[in-house]
C-alpha atoms as a PDB file:
ATOM      1  CA  UNK A   1     -60.484 -11.102 -37.520  1.00  0.00           C
ATOM      2  CA  UNK A   2     -59.979 -12.376 -34.015  1.00  0.00           C
ATOM      3  CA  UNK A   3     -57.203 -11.145 -31.789  1.00  0.00           C
ATOM      4  CA  UNK A   4     -54.432 -13.654 -31.330  1.00  0.00           C
ATOM      5  CA  UNK A   5     -53.772 -14.734 -27.793  1.00  0.00           C
ATOM      6  CA  UNK A   6     -51.059 -12.860 -25.946  1.00  0.00           C
ATOM      7  CA  UNK A   7     -47.717 -14.653 -26.054  1.00  0.00           C
ATOM      8  CA  UNK A   8     -46.130 -15.461 -22.718  1.00  0.00           C
ATOM      9  CA  UNK A   9     -42.445 -16.201 -22.335  1.00  0.00           C
ATOM     10  CA  UNK A  10     -41.774 -19.173 -20.099  1.00  0.00           C
ATOM     11  CA  UNK A  11     -38.286 -19.895 -18.798  1.00  0.00           C
ATOM     12  CA  UNK A  12     -36.862 -22.275 -16.280  1.00  0.00           C
ATOM     13  CA  UNK A  13     -35.483 -20.908 -12.994  1.00  0.00           C
ATOM     14  CA  UNK A  14     -31.924 -21.728 -14.120  1.00  0.00           C
ATOM     15  CA  UNK A  15     -32.386 -19.671 -17.285  1.00  0.00           C
ATOM     16  CA  UNK A  16     -33.724 -16.719 -15.294  1.00  0.00           C
ATOM     17  CA  UNK A  17     -30.709 -16.877 -12.978  1.00  0.00           C
ATOM     18  CA  UNK A  18     -28.309 -17.097 -15.912  1.00  0.00           C
ATOM     19  CA  UNK A  19     -30.001 -14.181 -17.659  1.00  0.00           C
ATOM     20  CA  UNK A  20     -29.925 -12.070 -14.500  1.00  0.00           C
ATOM     21  CA  UNK A  21     -26.146 -12.555 -14.262  1.00  0.00           C
ATOM     22  CA  UNK A  22     -25.513 -11.773 -17.909  1.00  0.00           C
ATOM     23  CA  UNK A  23     -23.804  -8.429 -17.314  1.00  0.00           C
ATOM     24  CA  UNK A  24     -21.857  -9.458 -14.236  1.00  0.00           C
ATOM     25  CA  UNK A  25     -18.399 -10.998 -14.636  1.00  0.00           C
ATOM     26  CA  UNK A  26     -17.699 -14.313 -12.977  1.00  0.00           C
ATOM     27  CA  UNK A  27     -16.332 -13.722  -9.461  1.00  0.00           C
ATOM     28  CA  UNK A  28     -13.224 -15.864 -10.030  1.00  0.00           C
ATOM     29  CA  UNK A  29     -12.259 -13.615 -12.960  1.00  0.00           C
ATOM     30  CA  UNK A  30     -12.402 -10.388 -10.981  1.00  0.00           C
ATOM     31  CA  UNK A  31      -9.015  -8.914 -10.018  1.00  0.00           C
ATOM     32  CA  UNK A  32      -8.090  -9.032  -6.365  1.00  0.00           C
ATOM     33  CA  UNK A  33      -7.847  -5.748  -4.535  1.00  0.00           C
ATOM     34  CA  UNK A  34      -4.243  -5.352  -3.436  1.00  0.00           C
ATOM     35  CA  UNK A  35      -3.164  -3.689  -0.236  1.00  0.00           C
ATOM     36  CA  UNK A  36       0.170  -1.935   0.241  1.00  0.00           C
ATOM     37  CA  UNK A  37       2.160  -5.196   0.400  1.00  0.00           C
ATOM     38  CA  UNK A  38       1.040  -6.438  -3.006  1.00  0.00           C
ATOM     39  CA  UNK A  39      -0.982  -9.242  -1.425  1.00  0.00           C
ATOM     40  CA  UNK A  40      -4.707  -9.509  -2.055  1.00  0.00           C
ATOM     41  CA  UNK A  41      -6.529  -7.718   0.747  1.00  0.00           C
ATOM     42  CA  UNK A  42      -8.652 -10.737   1.714  1.00  0.00           C
ATOM     43  CA  UNK A  43      -5.760 -13.212   1.489  1.00  0.00           C
ATOM     44  CA  UNK A  44      -3.913 -14.346   4.569  1.00  0.00           C
ATOM     45  CA  UNK A  45      -0.152 -13.718   4.188  1.00  0.00           C
ATOM     46  CA  UNK A  46       0.485 -17.381   5.025  1.00  0.00           C
ATOM     47  CA  UNK A  47      -1.794 -18.444   2.158  1.00  0.00           C
ATOM     48  CA  UNK A  48       0.068 -16.138  -0.192  1.00  0.00           C
ATOM     49  CA  UNK A  49       3.427 -17.434   1.002  1.00  0.00           C
ATOM     50  CA  UNK A  50       2.302 -21.029   0.407  1.00  0.00           C
ATOM     51  CA  UNK A  51       1.171 -20.023  -3.082  1.00  0.00           C
ATOM     52  CA  UNK A  52       4.610 -18.486  -3.769  1.00  0.00           C
ATOM     53  CA  UNK A  53       6.414 -21.593  -2.496  1.00  0.00           C
ATOM     54  CA  UNK A  54       4.249 -23.830  -4.681  1.00  0.00           C
ATOM     55  CA  UNK A  55       4.853 -21.593  -7.698  1.00  0.00           C
ATOM     56  CA  UNK A  56       8.642 -21.602  -7.169  1.00  0.00           C
ATOM     57  CA  UNK A  57       8.527 -25.393  -6.899  1.00  0.00           C
ATOM     58  CA  UNK A  58       6.558 -25.612 -10.148  1.00  0.00           C
ATOM     59  CA  UNK A  59       9.079 -23.385 -11.960  1.00  0.00           C
ATOM     60  CA  UNK A  60      11.987 -25.505 -10.712  1.00  0.00           C
ATOM     61  CA  UNK A  61      10.208 -28.688 -11.786  1.00  0.00           C
ATOM     62  CA  UNK A  62       9.542 -27.275 -15.251  1.00  0.00           C
ATOM     63  CA  UNK A  63      13.205 -26.314 -15.591  1.00  0.00           C
ATOM     64  CA  UNK A  64      14.312 -29.825 -14.665  1.00  0.00           C
ATOM     65  CA  UNK A  65      11.766 -31.341 -17.066  1.00  0.00           C
ATOM     66  CA  UNK A  66      13.034 -29.090 -19.857  1.00  0.00           C
ATOM     67  CA  UNK A  67      16.623 -30.031 -19.101  1.00  0.00           C
ATOM     68  CA  UNK A  68      15.792 -33.746 -19.258  1.00  0.00           C
ATOM     69  CA  UNK A  69      13.776 -33.527 -22.475  1.00  0.00           C
ATOM     70  CA  UNK A  70      16.136 -31.180 -24.297  1.00  0.00           C
ATOM     71  CA  UNK A  71      19.210 -32.822 -22.786  1.00  0.00           C
ATOM     72  CA  UNK A  72      18.241 -36.255 -24.079  1.00  0.00           C
ATOM     73  CA  UNK A  73      17.383 -34.761 -27.470  1.00  0.00           C
ATOM     74  CA  UNK A  74      20.737 -32.998 -27.538  1.00  0.00           C
ATOM     75  CA  UNK A  75      22.521 -36.175 -26.537  1.00  0.00           C
ATOM     76  CA  UNK A  76      20.860 -38.100 -29.333  1.00  0.00           C
ATOM     77  CA  UNK A  77      21.668 -35.312 -31.781  1.00  0.00           C
ATOM     78  CA  UNK A  78      25.287 -35.144 -30.637  1.00  0.00           C
ATOM     79  CA  UNK A  79      25.769 -38.913 -30.813  1.00  0.00           C
ATOM     80  CA  UNK A  80      24.310 -40.076 -34.154  1.00  0.00           C
ATOM     81  CA  UNK A  81      26.179 -43.344 -33.714  1.00  0.00           C
ATOM     82  CA  UNK A  82      23.370 -44.405 -31.346  1.00  0.00           C
ATOM     83  CA  UNK A  83      21.054 -44.684 -34.368  1.00  0.00           C
ATOM     84  CA  UNK A  84      23.368 -47.212 -36.036  1.00  0.00           C
ATOM     85  CA  UNK A  85      23.941 -49.346 -32.941  1.00  0.00           C
ATOM     86  CA  UNK A  86      21.123 -51.731 -32.181  1.00  0.00           C
ATOM     87  CA  UNK A  87      20.412 -53.983 -29.245  1.00  0.00           C
ATOM     88  CA  UNK A  88      18.084 -56.913 -29.917  1.00  0.00           C
ATOM     89  CA  UNK A  89      17.142 -55.291 -33.205  1.00  0.00           C
ATOM     90  CA  UNK A  90      16.129 -52.002 -31.557  1.00  0.00           C
ATOM     91  CA  UNK A  91      18.196 -48.845 -32.176  1.00  0.00           C
ATOM     92  CA  UNK A  92      20.107 -47.755 -29.077  1.00  0.00           C
ATOM     93  CA  UNK A  93      18.671 -44.242 -29.371  1.00  0.00           C
ATOM     94  CA  UNK A  94      15.148 -45.646 -28.958  1.00  0.00           C
ATOM     95  CA  UNK A  95      16.225 -47.759 -26.005  1.00  0.00           C
ATOM     96  CA  UNK A  96      17.820 -44.723 -24.406  1.00  0.00           C
ATOM     97  CA  UNK A  97      14.614 -42.733 -24.848  1.00  0.00           C
ATOM     98  CA  UNK A  98      12.462 -45.510 -23.429  1.00  0.00           C
ATOM     99  CA  UNK A  99      14.674 -46.647 -20.592  1.00  0.00           C
ATOM    100  CA  UNK A 100      15.974 -43.258 -19.490  1.00  0.00           C
ATOM    101  CA  UNK A 101      13.415 -40.578 -20.247  1.00  0.00           C
ATOM    102  CA  UNK A 102      10.184 -42.087 -18.927  1.00  0.00           C
ATOM    103  CA  UNK A 103      11.612 -43.251 -15.598  1.00  0.00           C
ATOM    104  CA  UNK A 104      13.277 -39.844 -15.179  1.00  0.00           C
ATOM    105  CA  UNK A 105      10.016 -38.043 -15.935  1.00  0.00           C
ATOM    106  CA  UNK A 106       8.190 -40.268 -13.448  1.00  0.00           C
ATOM    107  CA  UNK A 107      10.828 -39.614 -10.805  1.00  0.00           C
ATOM    108  CA  UNK A 108      10.608 -35.841 -11.357  1.00  0.00           C
ATOM    109  CA  UNK A 109       6.803 -35.979 -11.072  1.00  0.00           C
ATOM    110  CA  UNK A 110       6.924 -38.032  -7.876  1.00  0.00           C
ATOM    111  CA  UNK A 111       9.481 -35.700  -6.297  1.00  0.00           C
ATOM    112  CA  UNK A 112       7.409 -32.669  -7.275  1.00  0.00           C
ATOM    113  CA  UNK A 113       4.226 -34.080  -5.724  1.00  0.00           C
ATOM    114  CA  UNK A 114       6.097 -35.159  -2.598  1.00  0.00           C
ATOM    115  CA  UNK A 115       7.611 -31.694  -2.115  1.00  0.00           C
ATOM    116  CA  UNK A 116       4.281 -29.940  -2.790  1.00  0.00           C
ATOM    117  CA  UNK A 117       2.586 -32.141  -0.193  1.00  0.00           C
ATOM    118  CA  UNK A 118       5.351 -31.354   2.299  1.00  0.00           C
ATOM    119  CA  UNK A 119       4.688 -27.635   1.794  1.00  0.00           C
ATOM    120  CA  UNK A 120       0.965 -28.163   2.324  1.00  0.00           C
ATOM    121  CA  UNK A 121       1.459 -30.334   5.427  1.00  0.00           C
ATOM    122  CA  UNK A 122       3.802 -27.761   6.943  1.00  0.00           C
ATOM    123  CA  UNK A 123       1.285 -25.025   6.189  1.00  0.00           C
ATOM    124  CA  UNK A 124      -1.586 -27.041   7.706  1.00  0.00           C
ATOM    125  CA  UNK A 125       0.541 -27.862  10.756  1.00  0.00           C
ATOM    126  CA  UNK A 126       1.406 -24.201  11.255  1.00  0.00           C
ATOM    127  CA  UNK A 127      -2.210 -23.103  10.716  1.00  0.00           C
ATOM    128  CA  UNK A 128      -3.416 -25.670  13.272  1.00  0.00           C
ATOM    129  CA  UNK A 129      -0.896 -24.510  15.880  1.00  0.00           C
ATOM    130  CA  UNK A 130      -1.624 -20.850  15.178  1.00  0.00           C
ATOM    131  CA  UNK A 131      -5.359 -21.478  15.616  1.00  0.00           C
ATOM    132  CA  UNK A 132      -4.704 -23.499  18.788  1.00  0.00           C
ATOM    133  CA  UNK A 133      -2.416 -20.830  20.285  1.00  0.00           C
ATOM    134  CA  UNK A 134      -5.053 -18.149  19.639  1.00  0.00           C
ATOM    135  CA  UNK A 135      -7.615 -20.250  21.525  1.00  0.00           C
ATOM    136  CA  UNK A 136      -5.274 -20.995  24.442  1.00  0.00           C
ATOM    137  CA  UNK A 137      -3.961 -17.443  24.835  1.00  0.00           C
ATOM    138  CA  UNK A 138      -7.329 -15.722  24.860  1.00  0.00           C
ATOM    139  CA  UNK A 139      -6.256 -13.449  27.725  1.00  0.00           C
ATOM    140  CA  UNK A 140      -3.931 -11.366  25.545  1.00  0.00           C
ATOM    141  CA  UNK A 141      -4.372  -7.616  25.774  1.00  0.00           C
ATOM    142  CA  UNK A 142      -6.498  -6.100  23.045  1.00  0.00           C
ATOM    143  CA  UNK A 143      -4.730  -4.246  20.267  1.00  0.00           C
ATOM    144  CA  UNK A 144      -5.855  -2.127  17.381  1.00  0.00           C
ATOM    145  CA  UNK A 145      -7.138  -3.751  14.199  1.00  0.00           C
ATOM    146  CA  UNK A 146      -4.087  -2.651  12.241  1.00  0.00           C
ATOM    147  CA  UNK A 147      -1.606  -3.741  14.914  1.00  0.00           C
ATOM    148  CA  UNK A 148       1.635  -2.002  15.729  1.00  0.00           C
ATOM    149  CA  UNK A 149       4.851  -2.372  13.755  1.00  0.00           C
ATOM    150  CA  UNK A 150       6.269  -4.461  16.610  1.00  0.00           C
ATOM    151  CA  UNK A 151       3.275  -6.809  16.450  1.00  0.00           C
ATOM    152  CA  UNK A 152       3.659  -7.231  12.704  1.00  0.00           C
ATOM    153  CA  UNK A 153       7.410  -7.832  12.965  1.00  0.00           C
ATOM    154  CA  UNK A 154       6.905 -10.387  15.733  1.00  0.00           C
ATOM    155  CA  UNK A 155       4.265 -12.196  13.674  1.00  0.00           C
ATOM    156  CA  UNK A 156       6.536 -12.320  10.621  1.00  0.00           C
ATOM    157  CA  UNK A 157       9.456 -13.622  12.681  1.00  0.00           C
ATOM    158  CA  UNK A 158       7.486 -16.590  14.004  1.00  0.00           C
ATOM    159  CA  UNK A 159       5.707 -17.349  10.740  1.00  0.00           C
ATOM    160  CA  UNK A 160       7.581 -19.932   8.605  1.00  0.00           C
ATOM    161  CA  UNK A 161       5.623 -19.183   5.428  1.00  0.00           C
ATOM    162  CA  UNK A 162       6.314 -15.496   5.146  1.00  0.00           C
ATOM    163  CA  UNK A 163       9.173 -14.691   2.745  1.00  0.00           C
END
């Protein structure tokens, strides 16, 4: 009996990379290390403040959306006469849903996007001016990496995105 040839496993480079990462969690799923303020250590406080403003805006928008959807449903439930009244052969309740709800939902969406973009523009404007002022005022005296309490308080007072 002849010896069978030795089997060789052949894999593509992408497969080797995927197999080498098998036991490592995806970096975006890892928890952020928090410092004493509750903000991720590598996150700029201005970034975190923008995130909080965007999240508050999203919660307000969801509340308004819920009020519109449930409010119109409640109105239709409270006024069953709208089912019996018809305009051009279409029940008034359907007309109310079509002519009131969709334009309101569109308006809420447009206002939400507009406000979110305003937050982002203000953040970008502030970040640009902060970067520019650091470049212009390069002759500032050196301070420790941690900074003093006065330095931190002064930075928070002039920073529009910190809560």
